[in-house]
Every structure is written in C-alpha cells, then in structure tokens.
N, C-alpha and C. Protein backbone atom coordinates (compact mmCIF):
# COMPACT_ATOMS: atom_id res chain seq x y z
N UNK A 1 98.37 76.55 109.40
CA UNK A 1 99.32 77.43 109.22
C UNK A 1 99.59 77.27 107.79
N UNK A 2 99.90 76.48 106.85
CA UNK A 2 100.03 76.77 105.26
C UNK A 2 99.35 76.87 104.65
N UNK A 3 97.98 77.24 105.14
CA UNK A 3 96.73 77.67 104.48
C UNK A 3 96.89 79.54 104.35
N UNK A 4 97.25 79.91 105.86
CA UNK A 4 97.50 80.91 105.93
C UNK A 4 98.56 81.82 104.81
N UNK A 5 100.01 81.30 104.87
CA UNK A 5 100.89 81.49 103.65
C UNK A 5 100.35 81.48 102.58
N UNK A 6 99.48 80.23 101.72
CA UNK A 6 98.97 79.51 100.67
C UNK A 6 98.13 80.82 99.77
N UNK A 7 97.06 81.06 100.73
CA UNK A 7 96.18 82.67 100.58
C UNK A 7 97.06 84.00 100.45
N UNK A 8 98.08 84.19 101.09
CA UNK A 8 98.62 85.52 100.95
C UNK A 8 99.69 85.43 99.70
N UNK A 9 100.01 84.20 98.91
CA UNK A 9 101.18 83.96 98.14
C UNK A 9 100.04 84.06 97.36
N UNK A 10 98.75 83.40 96.88
CA UNK A 10 97.93 83.35 95.96
C UNK A 10 97.67 84.50 95.42
N UNK A 11 96.92 85.63 96.36
CA UNK A 11 96.22 87.10 96.50
C UNK A 11 97.45 88.12 96.06
N UNK A 12 98.85 87.80 96.29
CA UNK A 12 99.93 88.74 95.82
C UNK A 12 100.25 88.33 94.35
N UNK A 13 100.10 87.04 94.08
CA UNK A 13 100.41 86.82 92.81
C UNK A 13 99.43 87.25 91.94
N UNK A 14 98.19 87.30 92.15
CA UNK A 14 96.65 87.64 91.70
C UNK A 14 96.68 88.81 91.43
N UNK A 15 96.86 89.75 92.51
CA UNK A 15 97.50 90.97 92.44
C UNK A 15 98.25 91.99 91.37
N UNK A 16 99.37 91.04 91.34
CA UNK A 16 100.67 91.39 90.49
C UNK A 16 100.23 90.82 88.99
N UNK A 17 98.94 89.91 88.66
CA UNK A 17 98.53 89.74 87.52
C UNK A 17 99.74 88.39 86.86
N UNK A 18 100.41 88.19 87.62
CA UNK A 18 101.55 87.15 87.05
C UNK A 18 101.62 85.86 88.17
N UNK A 19 102.21 84.77 87.53
CA UNK A 19 102.67 83.64 89.02
C UNK A 19 104.02 84.27 89.45
N UNK A 20 104.14 84.27 90.54
CA UNK A 20 105.18 84.76 91.49
C UNK A 20 105.70 83.65 92.21
N UNK A 21 107.09 83.74 92.73
CA UNK A 21 107.74 83.11 93.65
C UNK A 21 108.30 83.90 94.51
N UNK A 22 107.63 83.69 95.81
CA UNK A 22 108.15 84.72 97.22
C UNK A 22 109.56 84.54 97.43
N UNK A 23 110.23 85.24 97.73
CA UNK A 23 111.45 84.74 98.68
C UNK A 23 111.63 84.72 99.99
N UNK A 24 112.57 83.90 100.23
CA UNK A 24 112.97 83.78 101.64
C UNK A 24 112.74 84.64 102.69
N UNK A 25 112.58 85.94 102.32
CA UNK A 25 112.58 87.17 103.36
C UNK A 25 110.84 87.50 103.04
N UNK A 26 110.54 87.13 101.71
CA UNK A 26 108.77 87.23 101.72
C UNK A 26 108.20 86.42 102.90
N UNK A 27 108.47 84.98 102.90
CA UNK A 27 108.05 83.81 103.55
C UNK A 27 108.27 84.13 105.09
N UNK A 28 109.03 84.59 105.02
CA UNK A 28 110.17 85.42 107.12
C UNK A 28 109.04 86.43 107.50
N UNK A 29 108.91 87.18 106.28
CA UNK A 29 107.66 88.31 106.89
C UNK A 29 106.41 87.58 107.28
N UNK A 30 105.76 86.54 106.44
CA UNK A 30 104.70 86.22 106.15
C UNK A 30 104.29 85.73 107.90
N UNK A 31 105.67 84.68 108.17
CA UNK A 31 105.69 84.09 109.15
C UNK A 31 105.57 84.92 110.40
N UNK A 32 106.38 86.27 110.55
CA UNK A 32 106.30 86.98 111.24
C UNK A 32 104.76 87.75 111.52
N UNK A 33 103.78 88.23 110.79
CA UNK A 33 102.74 88.04 110.70
C UNK A 33 101.34 87.17 111.63
N UNK A 34 102.05 85.86 110.92
CA UNK A 34 101.65 84.85 111.89
C UNK A 34 101.50 84.80 112.98
N UNK A 35 102.87 84.56 113.49
CA UNK A 35 103.25 84.71 114.61
C UNK A 35 102.67 85.98 115.68
N UNK A 36 102.35 87.01 115.14
CA UNK A 36 101.70 88.00 115.62
C UNK A 36 100.15 88.55 115.84
N UNK A 37 99.85 87.09 115.10
CA UNK A 37 98.43 87.05 115.14
C UNK A 37 97.65 87.96 114.12
N UNK A 38 98.16 88.59 113.27
CA UNK A 38 97.78 89.41 112.29
C UNK A 38 96.71 88.48 111.36
N UNK A 39 95.49 88.36 111.43
CA UNK A 39 94.50 87.91 111.09
C UNK A 39 94.52 87.75 109.13
N UNK A 40 94.30 86.72 108.46
CA UNK A 40 94.67 86.68 106.94
C UNK A 40 93.74 88.02 106.28
N UNK A 41 92.45 88.14 106.41
CA UNK A 41 91.81 89.54 106.19
C UNK A 41 92.18 90.59 105.99
N UNK A 42 93.20 90.90 107.42
CA UNK A 42 93.51 92.46 107.21
C UNK A 42 94.69 92.07 106.29
N UNK A 43 95.84 91.19 106.13
CA UNK A 43 97.21 90.73 105.12
C UNK A 43 96.23 91.38 103.86
N UNK A 44 95.36 90.18 103.54
CA UNK A 44 94.63 90.66 102.12
C UNK A 44 94.39 92.24 101.87
N UNK A 45 93.46 92.77 102.59
CA UNK A 45 93.16 94.20 102.53
C UNK A 45 94.41 94.86 102.59
N UNK A 46 95.10 94.69 103.02
CA UNK A 46 96.58 95.71 103.41
C UNK A 46 97.30 95.52 101.69
N UNK A 47 97.29 94.36 101.18
CA UNK A 47 97.94 93.71 99.79
C UNK A 47 97.18 94.99 98.73
N UNK A 48 95.73 94.40 99.12
CA UNK A 48 94.91 95.28 97.45
C UNK A 48 94.94 97.33 98.01
N UNK A 49 95.70 97.40 99.13
CA UNK A 49 95.14 99.00 99.48
C UNK A 49 96.82 99.28 98.50
N UNK A 50 97.59 98.56 98.68
CA UNK A 50 98.77 99.13 98.13
C UNK A 50 98.80 98.87 96.39
N UNK A 51 98.22 97.83 96.32
CA UNK A 51 98.12 97.76 94.72
C UNK A 51 97.13 98.84 93.99
N UNK A 52 96.35 99.26 95.32
CA UNK A 52 95.29 100.09 94.66
C UNK A 52 95.96 101.61 94.66
N UNK A 53 96.61 101.74 95.54
CA UNK A 53 97.24 103.17 95.56
C UNK A 53 98.08 103.13 94.32
N UNK A 54 98.92 102.16 94.20
CA UNK A 54 100.11 101.90 93.13
C UNK A 54 99.29 102.40 91.78
N UNK A 55 98.33 101.36 91.58
CA UNK A 55 97.65 101.68 90.15
C UNK A 55 96.92 103.00 89.88
N UNK A 56 96.81 104.32 91.06
CA UNK A 56 95.96 105.02 90.59
C UNK A 56 97.22 106.34 90.51
N UNK A 57 97.99 106.09 91.38
CA UNK A 57 99.24 106.79 91.31
C UNK A 57 99.71 107.68 89.72
N UNK A 58 100.41 108.56 89.69
CA UNK A 58 101.31 108.88 88.43
C UNK A 58 102.07 108.22 88.03
N UNK A 59 103.10 107.58 89.47
CA UNK A 59 104.21 106.80 88.80
C UNK A 59 104.37 105.69 89.50
N UNK A 60 103.52 104.36 88.49
CA UNK A 60 103.02 103.09 88.77
C UNK A 60 104.84 102.59 88.88
N UNK A 61 104.97 101.76 90.18
CA UNK A 61 106.21 100.79 90.01
C UNK A 61 105.75 99.25 90.17
N UNK A 62 106.31 98.48 90.04
CA UNK A 62 106.71 97.66 90.11
C UNK A 62 106.64 96.92 91.49
N UNK A 63 105.63 96.31 91.95
CA UNK A 63 105.62 95.73 93.07
C UNK A 63 106.11 94.03 93.56
N UNK A 64 107.73 94.27 93.51
CA UNK A 64 108.00 92.93 93.24
C UNK A 64 108.58 92.21 94.27
N UNK A 65 107.72 92.52 95.85
CA UNK A 65 108.30 92.25 96.81
C UNK A 65 106.96 91.93 97.79
N UNK A 66 106.67 91.01 99.03
CA UNK A 66 105.86 91.19 99.70
C UNK A 66 105.99 92.30 100.55
N UNK A 67 107.26 92.55 101.16
CA UNK A 67 108.17 93.79 101.75
C UNK A 67 107.19 94.81 101.48
N UNK A 68 106.63 95.19 100.09
CA UNK A 68 106.66 96.27 99.81
C UNK A 68 104.92 96.79 101.15
N UNK A 69 104.38 95.43 101.32
CA UNK A 69 103.27 95.54 101.69
C UNK A 69 103.26 95.60 103.57
N UNK A 70 104.86 95.58 103.60
CA UNK A 70 104.93 95.36 105.43
C UNK A 70 104.10 96.41 106.06
N UNK A 71 104.37 98.01 105.71
CA UNK A 71 104.34 98.80 106.72
C UNK A 71 102.23 99.25 106.23
N UNK A 72 102.01 98.91 105.31
CA UNK A 72 100.56 98.96 105.41
C UNK A 72 99.79 97.78 106.05
N UNK A 73 100.21 96.42 106.33
CA UNK A 73 99.89 95.44 106.92
C UNK A 73 100.20 95.68 108.36
N UNK A 74 100.97 96.40 108.64
CA UNK A 74 101.30 96.98 110.28
C UNK A 74 100.23 98.12 111.03
N UNK A 75 100.26 98.86 109.58
CA UNK A 75 99.53 100.05 109.96
C UNK A 75 98.03 99.53 110.07
N UNK A 76 97.38 98.71 109.25
CA UNK A 76 96.12 98.55 109.06
C UNK A 76 95.24 97.37 110.43
N UNK A 77 96.44 96.96 110.85
CA UNK A 77 96.52 95.89 112.06
C UNK A 77 95.85 96.76 113.14
N UNK A 78 97.09 97.48 113.55
CA UNK A 78 97.19 98.89 114.46
C UNK A 78 96.03 99.42 114.58
N UNK A 79 95.31 99.89 113.39
CA UNK A 79 94.02 100.44 113.35
C UNK A 79 92.74 99.72 113.71
N UNK A 80 92.84 98.70 113.38
CA UNK A 80 91.58 97.73 113.66
C UNK A 80 91.89 97.37 114.86
N UNK A 81 92.62 96.74 115.65
CA UNK A 81 92.94 96.78 117.05
C UNK A 81 92.52 97.56 117.85
N UNK A 82 92.66 99.07 117.38
CA UNK A 82 92.67 99.86 118.06
C UNK A 82 90.97 100.20 118.38
N UNK A 83 90.35 99.83 116.86
CA UNK A 83 88.98 99.71 116.56
C UNK A 83 88.23 98.69 117.54
N UNK A 84 88.76 97.81 117.65
CA UNK A 84 87.83 96.82 118.37
C UNK A 84 88.29 96.75 120.07
N UNK A 85 89.55 97.47 120.33
CA UNK A 85 89.21 97.44 122.10
C UNK A 85 88.10 98.67 122.09
N UNK A 86 88.24 99.69 121.01
CA UNK A 86 87.09 100.68 121.52
C UNK A 86 85.67 100.50 121.43
N UNK A 87 85.47 99.34 120.67
CA UNK A 87 84.16 98.90 120.46
C UNK A 87 83.73 97.40 121.01
N UNK A 88 83.31 97.50 122.28
CA UNK A 88 83.27 96.02 122.69
C UNK A 88 82.36 94.55 121.74
N UNK A 89 81.34 95.53 120.89
CA UNK A 89 80.36 95.08 120.59
C UNK A 89 80.82 94.42 119.00
N UNK A 90 82.26 94.74 118.59
CA UNK A 90 82.59 93.84 117.72
C UNK A 90 83.96 93.42 117.88
N UNK A 91 84.48 93.42 119.44
CA UNK A 91 85.69 92.49 119.64
C UNK A 91 85.65 91.18 119.71
N UNK A 92 86.39 90.67 119.17
CA UNK A 92 86.34 89.01 118.92
C UNK A 92 86.55 88.52 120.12
N UNK A 93 87.66 89.16 120.84
CA UNK A 93 87.95 88.65 122.46
C UNK A 93 86.88 88.69 123.36
N UNK A 94 85.88 89.38 122.94
CA UNK A 94 84.57 90.22 124.26
C UNK A 94 83.43 88.94 123.50
N UNK A 95 83.47 88.98 122.44
CA UNK A 95 81.55 88.04 121.85
C UNK A 95 82.34 87.49 120.87
N UNK A 96 83.21 86.26 120.76
CA UNK A 96 83.55 85.45 119.74
C UNK A 96 82.19 84.67 119.29
N UNK A 97 81.46 84.23 120.39
CA UNK A 97 80.01 83.55 120.07
C UNK A 97 79.20 84.19 119.11
N UNK A 98 78.96 85.43 119.14
CA UNK A 98 78.52 86.22 118.11
C UNK A 98 78.72 86.06 116.44
N UNK A 99 79.92 86.61 116.72
CA UNK A 99 80.38 86.41 115.21
C UNK A 99 80.37 85.02 114.91
N UNK A 100 80.83 84.12 115.17
CA UNK A 100 80.58 82.21 115.21
C UNK A 100 79.33 82.01 114.94
N UNK A 101 78.48 82.52 115.34
CA UNK A 101 77.10 82.09 114.94
C UNK A 101 76.37 82.66 113.77
N UNK A 102 77.29 84.07 113.81
CA UNK A 102 76.72 84.42 112.13
C UNK A 102 77.23 83.81 111.39
N UNK A 103 78.62 83.42 111.28
CA UNK A 103 79.69 82.97 110.38
C UNK A 103 78.84 80.96 110.27
N UNK A 104 78.53 81.05 111.26
CA UNK A 104 77.88 79.32 110.93
C UNK A 104 76.46 79.71 110.02
N UNK A 105 76.00 80.75 110.26
CA UNK A 105 74.88 80.43 109.85
C UNK A 105 74.82 81.05 108.02
N UNK A 106 76.11 81.41 107.50
CA UNK A 106 76.18 81.78 106.33
C UNK A 106 76.68 80.63 105.70
N UNK A 107 77.08 79.98 106.65
CA UNK A 107 78.05 78.70 105.81
C UNK A 107 76.90 77.23 106.39
N UNK A 108 75.96 77.71 106.74
CA UNK A 108 74.70 76.17 107.03
C UNK A 108 74.01 76.02 105.77
N UNK A 109 73.97 76.53 104.89
CA UNK A 109 72.91 76.56 103.62
C UNK A 109 74.10 75.59 102.76
N UNK A 110 75.59 75.92 102.77
CA UNK A 110 76.22 74.82 102.21
C UNK A 110 76.73 73.52 102.91
N UNK A 111 76.66 73.49 104.03
CA UNK A 111 77.40 72.33 105.02
C UNK A 111 77.41 72.39 106.57
N UNK A 112 76.04 71.46 106.58
CA UNK A 112 75.70 71.56 108.36
C UNK A 112 76.64 71.18 109.38
N UNK A 113 77.35 70.45 108.63
CA UNK A 113 78.65 69.89 109.86
C UNK A 113 79.89 70.98 109.80
N UNK A 114 79.80 71.50 108.48
CA UNK A 114 80.97 72.61 109.24
C UNK A 114 80.10 73.47 109.97
N UNK A 115 79.12 74.29 109.75
CA UNK A 115 78.48 74.91 110.61
C UNK A 115 78.39 74.68 112.07
N UNK A 116 78.23 73.13 112.34
CA UNK A 116 78.35 72.70 113.70
C UNK A 116 79.72 73.21 114.51
N UNK A 117 80.58 72.97 113.93
CA UNK A 117 82.23 72.72 114.12
C UNK A 117 82.46 74.36 114.18
N UNK A 118 82.05 75.24 113.48
CA UNK A 118 81.94 76.51 113.79
C UNK A 118 81.68 77.20 115.10
N UNK A 119 79.96 76.86 115.12
CA UNK A 119 79.54 77.13 116.33
C UNK A 119 80.07 76.38 117.65
N UNK A 120 80.86 75.21 117.77
CA UNK A 120 81.09 74.56 118.68
C UNK A 120 82.95 75.72 119.17
N UNK A 121 83.12 76.30 117.97
CA UNK A 121 84.80 76.80 118.72
C UNK A 121 84.44 78.14 119.89
N UNK A 122 83.19 78.17 119.98
CA UNK A 122 82.91 78.89 120.86
C UNK A 122 83.20 78.60 122.81
N UNK A 123 83.77 77.17 122.60
CA UNK A 123 84.03 76.66 123.48
C UNK A 123 85.64 77.01 123.80
N UNK A 124 86.42 77.42 122.82
CA UNK A 124 87.57 77.92 122.82
C UNK A 124 88.14 79.15 123.09
N UNK A 125 89.41 79.07 124.37
CA UNK A 125 89.59 80.74 125.07
C UNK A 125 90.39 81.85 124.27
N UNK A 126 91.06 80.97 122.99
CA UNK A 126 92.38 81.81 122.47
C UNK A 126 91.70 82.18 120.95
N UNK A 127 91.76 83.54 120.49
CA UNK A 127 90.87 83.90 119.26
C UNK A 127 92.22 83.56 118.46
N UNK A 128 93.62 83.38 118.40
CA UNK A 128 94.40 83.03 117.62
C UNK A 128 93.79 81.23 117.57
N UNK A 129 93.84 80.82 118.32
CA UNK A 129 93.27 79.71 118.15
C UNK A 129 92.30 78.97 117.59
N UNK A 130 91.22 80.02 117.96
CA UNK A 130 89.93 80.19 116.83
C UNK A 130 89.94 80.45 115.42
N UNK A 131 90.92 81.16 114.94
CA UNK A 131 91.28 81.65 114.02
C UNK A 131 92.05 80.83 113.10
N UNK A 132 93.28 80.08 113.88
CA UNK A 132 93.92 78.80 113.39
C UNK A 132 92.43 77.54 112.70
N UNK A 133 91.54 77.66 113.72
CA UNK A 133 90.88 76.65 113.48
C UNK A 133 90.23 76.65 112.63
N UNK A 134 89.24 77.55 111.91
CA UNK A 134 88.68 78.76 111.21
C UNK A 134 88.83 78.15 109.81
N UNK A 135 90.30 78.46 109.81
CA UNK A 135 91.56 78.50 108.10
C UNK A 135 90.92 77.12 107.83
N UNK A 136 91.42 75.88 109.11
CA UNK A 136 91.28 74.41 108.47
C UNK A 136 89.74 73.92 107.83
N UNK A 137 89.04 74.55 108.81
CA UNK A 137 87.77 74.42 108.29
C UNK A 137 87.13 75.14 107.11
N UNK A 138 87.79 76.48 106.89
CA UNK A 138 87.46 76.91 105.45
C UNK A 138 88.00 76.12 104.27
N UNK A 139 89.15 75.61 104.84
CA UNK A 139 90.07 74.57 103.34
C UNK A 139 89.43 73.51 103.43
N UNK A 140 89.08 72.94 104.44
CA UNK A 140 87.90 71.26 104.38
C UNK A 140 86.51 71.42 103.64
N UNK A 141 86.02 72.73 103.89
CA UNK A 141 84.87 72.99 103.59
C UNK A 141 84.84 73.07 102.21
N UNK A 142 85.97 74.22 101.22
CA UNK A 142 86.40 73.71 99.87
C UNK A 142 86.77 73.16 99.42
N UNK A 143 87.36 71.88 99.64
CA UNK A 143 87.83 70.90 99.50
C UNK A 143 86.31 69.93 98.99
N UNK A 144 85.48 70.02 100.56
CA UNK A 144 84.73 69.14 100.46
C UNK A 144 83.30 70.05 98.85
N UNK A 145 83.10 71.00 98.78
CA UNK A 145 82.56 71.82 97.92
C UNK A 145 82.93 71.65 96.38
N UNK A 146 84.20 71.52 96.56
CA UNK A 146 85.05 71.14 95.04
C UNK A 146 84.78 69.82 94.51
N UNK A 147 84.70 68.69 95.20
CA UNK A 147 84.67 67.64 94.87
C UNK A 147 82.75 67.58 94.55
N UNK A 148 82.17 68.26 94.92
CA UNK A 148 80.86 67.75 94.42
C UNK A 148 80.79 68.57 93.73
N UNK A 149 81.17 69.57 92.67
CA UNK A 149 81.20 70.39 91.60
C UNK A 149 80.81 69.03 90.60
N UNK A 150 80.06 69.27 89.65
CA UNK A 150 80.37 68.75 88.19
C UNK A 150 81.69 68.82 87.65
N UNK A 151 82.02 67.59 87.31
CA UNK A 151 82.94 67.52 86.55
C UNK A 151 83.60 68.53 85.75
N UNK A 152 82.51 68.72 84.90
CA UNK A 152 83.02 69.76 83.96
C UNK A 152 83.67 70.90 84.04
N UNK A 153 82.61 71.35 85.44
CA UNK A 153 82.70 73.07 85.81
C UNK A 153 84.14 72.98 86.64
N UNK A 154 84.29 71.88 87.52
CA UNK A 154 85.75 71.99 87.80
C UNK A 154 86.95 72.03 86.86
N UNK A 155 86.52 70.60 86.03
CA UNK A 155 87.56 71.22 85.21
C UNK A 155 87.62 72.48 84.06
N UNK A 156 86.98 73.58 83.76
CA UNK A 156 86.78 74.80 83.41
C UNK A 156 87.60 75.95 84.11
N UNK A 157 86.86 75.35 85.07
CA UNK A 157 87.72 76.18 86.08
C UNK A 157 89.57 75.95 86.54
N UNK A 158 90.25 75.25 86.40
CA UNK A 158 91.46 74.39 86.27
C UNK A 158 92.11 75.03 85.01
N UNK A 159 90.78 74.79 84.01
CA UNK A 159 91.60 75.10 82.43
C UNK A 159 91.58 76.71 82.54
N UNK A 160 90.73 77.58 83.11
CA UNK A 160 91.05 78.35 83.59
C UNK A 160 92.35 79.52 84.05
N UNK A 161 92.81 78.36 85.21
CA UNK A 161 93.98 79.16 85.61
C UNK A 161 95.00 78.47 84.87
N UNK A 162 94.80 77.43 84.31
CA UNK A 162 96.03 77.06 83.20
C UNK A 162 96.52 77.71 82.64
N UNK A 163 95.11 78.53 81.89
CA UNK A 163 95.33 79.47 80.62
C UNK A 163 95.96 80.75 81.63
N UNK A 164 95.69 81.26 82.58
CA UNK A 164 96.31 82.03 83.45
C UNK A 164 97.56 82.43 83.85
N UNK A 165 98.01 80.91 83.94
CA UNK A 165 99.41 80.72 84.66
C UNK A 165 100.00 80.73 83.16
N UNK A 166 99.86 80.45 81.96
CA UNK A 166 100.77 80.76 80.42
C UNK A 166 101.86 79.21 80.62
N UNK A 167 102.77 80.05 79.99
CA UNK A 167 104.19 79.25 79.94
C UNK A 167 105.15 79.94 81.03
N UNK A 168 104.37 79.93 82.04
CA UNK A 168 105.63 80.34 83.08
C UNK A 168 106.50 79.42 83.50
N UNK A 169 107.43 79.63 83.85
CA UNK A 169 108.37 78.68 84.23
C UNK A 169 108.33 78.25 85.42
N UNK A 170 107.47 77.77 86.36
CA UNK A 170 107.69 77.44 87.67
C UNK A 170 107.76 76.25 87.86
N UNK A 171 108.04 75.84 88.83
CA UNK A 171 108.82 74.46 89.60
C UNK A 171 107.79 73.75 89.49
N UNK A 172 107.17 72.41 89.88
CA UNK A 172 105.88 71.36 89.84
C UNK A 172 105.22 72.15 91.11
N UNK A 173 106.22 71.86 92.33
CA UNK A 173 105.70 72.23 93.57
C UNK A 173 105.04 73.57 93.58
N UNK A 174 105.47 74.60 93.54
CA UNK A 174 104.87 76.10 93.14
C UNK A 174 103.86 76.08 92.30
N UNK A 175 103.83 75.30 90.97
CA UNK A 175 102.73 75.65 90.65
C UNK A 175 101.38 74.85 91.30
N UNK A 176 101.87 73.57 92.18
CA UNK A 176 100.62 73.17 92.44
C UNK A 176 100.10 73.86 93.26
N UNK A 177 100.74 74.57 94.16
CA UNK A 177 100.97 75.32 95.01
C UNK A 177 99.74 76.37 94.71
N UNK A 178 100.10 77.30 93.45
CA UNK A 178 99.31 78.19 93.09
C UNK A 178 98.39 77.52 92.41
N UNK A 179 98.22 76.56 91.82
CA UNK A 179 96.56 75.97 90.78
C UNK A 179 95.95 76.33 91.98
N UNK A 180 96.51 75.10 93.11
CA UNK A 180 95.31 75.26 94.64
C UNK A 180 94.92 76.39 94.95
N UNK A 181 95.53 77.09 95.39
CA UNK A 181 94.89 78.52 95.86
C UNK A 181 94.10 79.06 94.97
N UNK A 182 94.25 79.48 93.32
CA UNK A 182 93.54 79.99 92.59
C UNK A 182 92.28 79.42 92.39
N UNK A 183 92.56 77.58 92.80
CA UNK A 183 91.06 76.89 92.35
C UNK A 183 90.28 77.22 94.23
N UNK A 184 90.64 77.29 94.78
CA UNK A 184 89.70 77.55 96.85
C UNK A 184 89.14 78.87 96.13
N UNK A 185 90.06 80.06 95.64
CA UNK A 185 89.23 81.35 95.79
C UNK A 185 87.90 80.99 94.52
N UNK A 186 88.30 80.22 93.45
CA UNK A 186 87.33 80.23 92.56
C UNK A 186 85.79 79.65 92.88
N UNK A 187 86.44 78.79 93.48
CA UNK A 187 85.28 77.41 94.53
C UNK A 187 84.46 78.37 95.42
N UNK A 188 85.05 79.34 96.01
CA UNK A 188 84.83 80.29 97.10
C UNK A 188 83.67 81.10 96.65
N UNK A 189 84.41 81.76 95.68
CA UNK A 189 83.75 82.58 94.60
C UNK A 189 82.52 81.93 93.96
N UNK A 190 82.37 80.93 93.47
CA UNK A 190 81.28 80.26 92.99
C UNK A 190 80.18 80.18 93.99
N UNK A 191 80.29 79.94 95.08
CA UNK A 191 79.51 79.40 96.26
C UNK A 191 79.12 80.59 97.23
N UNK A 192 79.81 81.94 96.26
CA UNK A 192 79.58 82.94 97.90
C UNK A 192 79.83 82.64 98.91
N UNK A 193 81.14 82.17 99.88
CA UNK A 193 81.21 81.96 100.68
C UNK A 193 82.19 82.46 101.20
N UNK A 194 82.19 83.47 102.49
CA UNK A 194 82.58 84.47 103.27
C UNK A 194 83.74 83.75 103.74
N UNK A 195 85.03 84.32 103.81
CA UNK A 195 86.86 84.47 104.20
C UNK A 195 85.87 83.65 105.84
N UNK A 196 86.32 82.58 106.69
CA UNK A 196 85.69 82.16 107.82
C UNK A 196 86.83 82.95 109.18
N UNK A 197 86.72 83.79 109.53
CA UNK A 197 87.50 84.56 110.46
C UNK A 197 86.56 85.36 110.89
N UNK A 198 86.89 85.81 112.57
CA UNK A 198 86.52 86.51 113.19
C UNK A 198 86.51 87.95 112.71
N UNK A 199 87.54 88.09 112.13
CA UNK A 199 88.19 90.02 111.57
C UNK A 199 87.58 90.05 110.65
N UNK A 200 86.00 90.07 110.18
CA UNK A 200 85.41 90.47 108.82
C UNK A 200 85.65 91.66 108.36
C-alpha cells in the first residue's frame, strides 16, 4: 500500500515540477482511492490529464492539491470499469491469467524469478489482491535492478534527482521518499519495464 501512495505522490510532484508535500486531505483522498480499488495507472493517467488540460488552457492555474484531480480520477475509473464490463477479453476478473502471462513475458528478460511469481498470481481469486501483490513485486524488482546497476550509473541518477530537488526545504523523511520514488521511476525507464498492473 505504501508503494501506491509513494508513486502517486512522486508523480504529482513530477507534474508540478517541484518537490511537494501532500496535505492530510490529499493522503485521505489517496487512501479512499486505494480502498475503492482504483488501480495506480488510472490515478496516474488522470493526474496527467488534469495537468495537460491546464497546460493547454488559456488561463493556466497553479494545481496546489491532489484534490484538483479528484473528479478526473472518478470519471476515468468509471469509464474504464464500464469498458471492462463490456468486453470480456480485457476484463481482469474474466481472464487475469492472460494479462498475467503477458506481464510475465515482458518481465522475464530482466528477471525470471519475478516473472514466475507473476504467473503464480493466477491462483489468486481477488483482483485487488493481485494488484497489491503486483505492486510489491514491481517494487522488489526495481530494487533488485537498481542494485545491479554500475555504481557510476546509479550515482548519476541520484545526482540528477538531487539537482532537481535543488535547495528545497523538505524534511529528511519527505526528501528520502521523494528521492526513492524518482529513482524507481528512472530505473523503470532505464530498463523499459512496464508497470505491473492488470489495468494497462
């Protein structure tokens, strides 16, 4: 669950192009999305939509809270759920084994152990449980791949993040969370990893 929150927080800060500390209200909103089973990729896409609309509008405003994305997340999730109900071929509940097999194939060149663990999730009867486990597997895989990177390359990534943060006045805990989330994003991009989710 922590990974879910961390990824959203990191992506929101990335789109704002500044380090950002989420409010208690924002955290409660993320908790609600998680409880409602809204997949991480849906939240990320909705955030992107809000920022893209704002960037192309004539009157750009400062998006200072995750609450600005509340309706976009709700609308996109409603739309996606209806699509899944209407087409059994892409309904996670109907055929998770097909989607899991596809994810496993994409991950296999990087780590066969993680690929096998993804395939094994077909035994789970609950899509939310599969999503939770996929999030855990993704975090572990990225950590493993990070450790395998040459020291110089990993250091360069960390330096890039440090420069992006600049002289921001973040407390150490928030700074560590922000650095970790951005490092994971960079490692994912470096290896061309897909997000591990049934809702691609």
